[in-house]
Amino acid sequence: MLALPPVLPDVCHRSSLRIGRDYVRFGTCDYSVHPRAIGRRAELKVDLDWVVVTLAGDEVARHRRSLAPHRTITDPGHSRARRALKETVSHDQPSPTEVDVEVRDLVTYDHALGVA
């Protein structure tokens, strides 16, 4: 039997993925990601203890790895950022009552179709 090498090999699972929503899935568990990463390509690194998501070298998620199946792990900071982002987006868009819509007399359509 040979001696162990001086530097142990990296046994982490690594992958590159596009963040499609505000969670990434590893195994059967979902882990929250900061909303600024949605739609962008990120690196996922998973070892026995941690699930880490980085975006261009900047860490956007770090969670303790769950070995229990079918769990959703959410960081409260990610939830607050998601709510703040939704509030700013909703304030930027006009409400349906504020949008000007042309109202046309229905007789115009009758004349166009030759009914009246």
C-alpha atoms as a PDB file:
ATOM      1  CA  MET A   1       0.000   0.000   0.000  1.00  0.00           C
ATOM      2  CA  LEU A   2       1.367   3.414  -0.966  1.00  0.00           C
ATOM      3  CA  ALA A   3       1.611   6.464   1.263  1.00  0.00           C
ATOM      4  CA  LEU A   4      -0.924   9.239   0.870  1.00  0.00           C
ATOM      5  CA  PRO A   5       0.132  12.117  -1.380  1.00  0.00           C
ATOM      6  CA  PRO A   6       1.353  15.287   0.382  1.00  0.00           C
ATOM      7  CA  VAL A   7      -1.706  17.205  -0.805  1.00  0.00           C
ATOM      8  CA  LEU A   8      -5.012  15.374  -0.651  1.00  0.00           C
ATOM      9  CA  PRO A   9      -7.133  15.424  -3.805  1.00  0.00           C
ATOM     10  CA  ASP A  10     -10.158  17.706  -3.987  1.00  0.00           C
ATOM     11  CA  VAL A  11     -13.219  15.469  -3.666  1.00  0.00           C
ATOM     12  CA  CYS A  12     -15.834  18.215  -4.022  1.00  0.00           C
ATOM     13  CA  HIS A  13     -18.562  18.017  -6.620  1.00  0.00           C
ATOM     14  CA  ARG A  14     -18.186  21.000  -8.967  1.00  0.00           C
ATOM     15  CA  SER A  15     -20.458  22.091 -11.773  1.00  0.00           C
ATOM     16  CA  SER A  16     -21.344  25.153 -13.782  1.00  0.00           C
ATOM     17  CA  LEU A  17     -25.012  25.982 -14.149  1.00  0.00           C
ATOM     18  CA  ARG A  18     -27.371  28.759 -15.148  1.00  0.00           C
ATOM     19  CA  ILE A  19     -29.513  29.929 -12.234  1.00  0.00           C
ATOM     20  CA  GLY A  20     -33.043  29.674 -13.619  1.00  0.00           C
ATOM     21  CA  ARG A  21     -34.897  30.602 -10.453  1.00  0.00           C
ATOM     22  CA  ASP A  22     -33.937  31.576  -6.928  1.00  0.00           C
ATOM     23  CA  TYR A  23     -33.043  28.008  -5.897  1.00  0.00           C
ATOM     24  CA  VAL A  24     -30.451  25.498  -7.077  1.00  0.00           C
ATOM     25  CA  ARG A  25     -31.007  21.784  -6.747  1.00  0.00           C
ATOM     26  CA  PHE A  26     -28.384  19.319  -5.643  1.00  0.00           C
ATOM     27  CA  GLY A  27     -29.543  15.766  -5.184  1.00  0.00           C
ATOM     28  CA  THR A  28     -33.147  16.101  -4.070  1.00  0.00           C
ATOM     29  CA  CYS A  29     -32.714  19.287  -2.003  1.00  0.00           C
ATOM     30  CA  ASP A  30     -33.223  22.902  -3.089  1.00  0.00           C
ATOM     31  CA  TYR A  31     -30.922  25.648  -1.761  1.00  0.00           C
ATOM     32  CA  SER A  32     -31.761  29.358  -2.005  1.00  0.00           C
ATOM     33  CA  VAL A  33     -29.590  31.737  -4.025  1.00  0.00           C
ATOM     34  CA  HIS A  34     -29.417  35.528  -3.874  1.00  0.00           C
ATOM     35  CA  PRO A  35     -31.810  36.992  -6.497  1.00  0.00           C
ATOM     36  CA  ARG A  36     -29.036  38.930  -8.274  1.00  0.00           C
ATOM     37  CA  ALA A  37     -27.755  35.580  -9.588  1.00  0.00           C
ATOM     38  CA  ILE A  38     -30.978  34.625 -11.388  1.00  0.00           C
ATOM     39  CA  GLY A  39     -30.441  34.149 -15.108  1.00  0.00           C
ATOM     40  CA  ARG A  40     -26.667  34.124 -14.847  1.00  0.00           C
ATOM     41  CA  ARG A  41     -24.093  31.337 -15.028  1.00  0.00           C
ATOM     42  CA  ALA A  42     -22.698  30.320 -11.653  1.00  0.00           C
ATOM     43  CA  GLU A  43     -20.381  27.719 -10.170  1.00  0.00           C
ATOM     44  CA  LEU A  44     -21.721  25.128  -7.732  1.00  0.00           C
ATOM     45  CA  LYS A  45     -19.338  23.472  -5.284  1.00  0.00           C
ATOM     46  CA  VAL A  46     -20.618  20.751  -2.938  1.00  0.00           C
ATOM     47  CA  ASP A  47     -18.659  18.818  -0.350  1.00  0.00           C
ATOM     48  CA  LEU A  48     -19.785  16.726   2.617  1.00  0.00           C
ATOM     49  CA  ASP A  49     -20.621  19.790   4.729  1.00  0.00           C
ATOM     50  CA  TRP A  50     -21.372  22.780   2.480  1.00  0.00           C
ATOM     51  CA  VAL A  51     -23.194  23.812  -0.684  1.00  0.00           C
ATOM     52  CA  VAL A  52     -21.579  26.975  -2.102  1.00  0.00           C
ATOM     53  CA  VAL A  53     -22.689  28.937  -5.182  1.00  0.00           C
ATOM     54  CA  THR A  54     -20.349  31.573  -6.629  1.00  0.00           C
ATOM     55  CA  LEU A  55     -20.970  34.097  -9.363  1.00  0.00           C
ATOM     56  CA  ALA A  56     -17.771  35.358 -11.009  1.00  0.00           C
ATOM     57  CA  GLY A  57     -15.846  34.606  -7.815  1.00  0.00           C
ATOM     58  CA  ASP A  58     -18.438  36.315  -5.585  1.00  0.00           C
ATOM     59  CA  GLU A  59     -20.294  34.019  -3.191  1.00  0.00           C
ATOM     60  CA  VAL A  60     -24.082  34.247  -3.653  1.00  0.00           C
ATOM     61  CA  ALA A  61     -25.086  31.274  -1.476  1.00  0.00           C
ATOM     62  CA  ARG A  62     -23.604  29.154   1.295  1.00  0.00           C
ATOM     63  CA  HIS A  63     -25.685  26.519   3.044  1.00  0.00           C
ATOM     64  CA  ARG A  64     -25.017  23.558   5.261  1.00  0.00           C
ATOM     65  CA  ARG A  65     -25.553  20.507   3.113  1.00  0.00           C
ATOM     66  CA  SER A  66     -28.692  18.577   3.950  1.00  0.00           C
ATOM     67  CA  LEU A  67     -28.476  14.813   3.679  1.00  0.00           C
ATOM     68  CA  ALA A  68     -32.206  14.472   4.336  1.00  0.00           C
ATOM     69  CA  PRO A  69     -34.151  14.045   1.079  1.00  0.00           C
ATOM     70  CA  HIS A  70     -36.545  16.565  -0.482  1.00  0.00           C
ATOM     71  CA  ARG A  71     -35.797  19.595   1.685  1.00  0.00           C
ATOM     72  CA  THR A  72     -35.879  23.266   0.767  1.00  0.00           C
ATOM     73  CA  ILE A  73     -33.243  25.316   2.556  1.00  0.00           C
ATOM     74  CA  THR A  74     -33.768  29.084   2.462  1.00  0.00           C
ATOM     75  CA  ASP A  75     -31.447  31.788   3.749  1.00  0.00           C
ATOM     76  CA  PRO A  76     -33.479  34.601   5.412  1.00  0.00           C
ATOM     77  CA  GLY A  77     -31.216  37.163   3.722  1.00  0.00           C
ATOM     78  CA  HIS A  78     -32.157  35.776   0.306  1.00  0.00           C
ATOM     79  CA  SER A  79     -35.864  36.025   1.196  1.00  0.00           C
ATOM     80  CA  ARG A  80     -35.475  39.675   2.275  1.00  0.00           C
ATOM     81  CA  ALA A  81     -33.576  40.530  -0.924  1.00  0.00           C
ATOM     82  CA  ARG A  82     -36.263  38.817  -3.020  1.00  0.00           C
ATOM     83  CA  ARG A  83     -39.061  40.795  -1.283  1.00  0.00           C
ATOM     84  CA  ALA A  84     -37.148  44.068  -1.683  1.00  0.00           C
ATOM     85  CA  LEU A  85     -36.600  43.355  -5.376  1.00  0.00           C
ATOM     86  CA  LYS A  86     -40.306  42.608  -5.884  1.00  0.00           C
ATOM     87  CA  GLU A  87     -41.276  45.859  -4.141  1.00  0.00           C
ATOM     88  CA  THR A  88     -38.976  47.971  -6.316  1.00  0.00           C
ATOM     89  CA  VAL A  89     -40.245  46.287  -9.483  1.00  0.00           C
ATOM     90  CA  SER A  90     -43.889  46.746  -8.482  1.00  0.00           C
ATOM     91  CA  HIS A  91     -43.314  50.447  -7.679  1.00  0.00           C
ATOM     92  CA  ASP A  92     -41.715  51.039 -11.086  1.00  0.00           C
ATOM     93  CA  GLN A  93     -44.682  49.656 -13.040  1.00  0.00           C
ATOM     94  CA  PRO A  94     -47.901  51.668 -13.289  1.00  0.00           C
ATOM     95  CA  SER A  95     -51.031  50.076 -11.894  1.00  0.00           C
ATOM     96  CA  PRO A  96     -53.688  48.988 -14.416  1.00  0.00           C
ATOM     97  CA  THR A  97     -55.915  51.929 -13.395  1.00  0.00           C
ATOM     98  CA  GLU A  98     -53.152  54.427 -14.286  1.00  0.00           C
ATOM     99  CA  VAL A  99     -52.696  53.228 -17.884  1.00  0.00           C
ATOM    100  CA  ASP A 100     -54.474  55.312 -20.529  1.00  0.00           C
ATOM    101  CA  VAL A 101     -56.514  53.181 -22.898  1.00  0.00           C
ATOM    102  CA  GLU A 102     -58.412  54.504 -25.880  1.00  0.00           C
ATOM    103  CA  VAL A 103     -62.168  54.019 -25.572  1.00  0.00           C
ATOM    104  CA  ARG A 104     -63.900  53.759 -28.937  1.00  0.00           C
ATOM    105  CA  ASP A 105     -67.609  53.928 -29.636  1.00  0.00           C
ATOM    106  CA  LEU A 106     -68.920  50.507 -30.763  1.00  0.00           C
ATOM    107  CA  VAL A 107     -70.859  52.127 -33.620  1.00  0.00           C
ATOM    108  CA  THR A 108     -67.498  52.576 -35.365  1.00  0.00           C
ATOM    109  CA  TYR A 109     -67.169  48.794 -35.659  1.00  0.00           C
ATOM    110  CA  ASP A 110     -70.730  48.468 -36.952  1.00  0.00           C
ATOM    111  CA  HIS A 111     -69.933  50.990 -39.724  1.00  0.00           C
ATOM    112  CA  ALA A 112     -66.649  49.235 -40.557  1.00  0.00           C
ATOM    113  CA  LEU A 113     -68.450  45.893 -40.966  1.00  0.00           C
ATOM    114  CA  GLY A 114     -71.374  47.402 -42.817  1.00  0.00           C
ATOM    115  CA  VAL A 115     -73.882  46.211 -40.223  1.00  0.00           C
ATOM    116  CA  ALA A 116     -75.379  49.600 -39.393  1.00  0.00           C
END
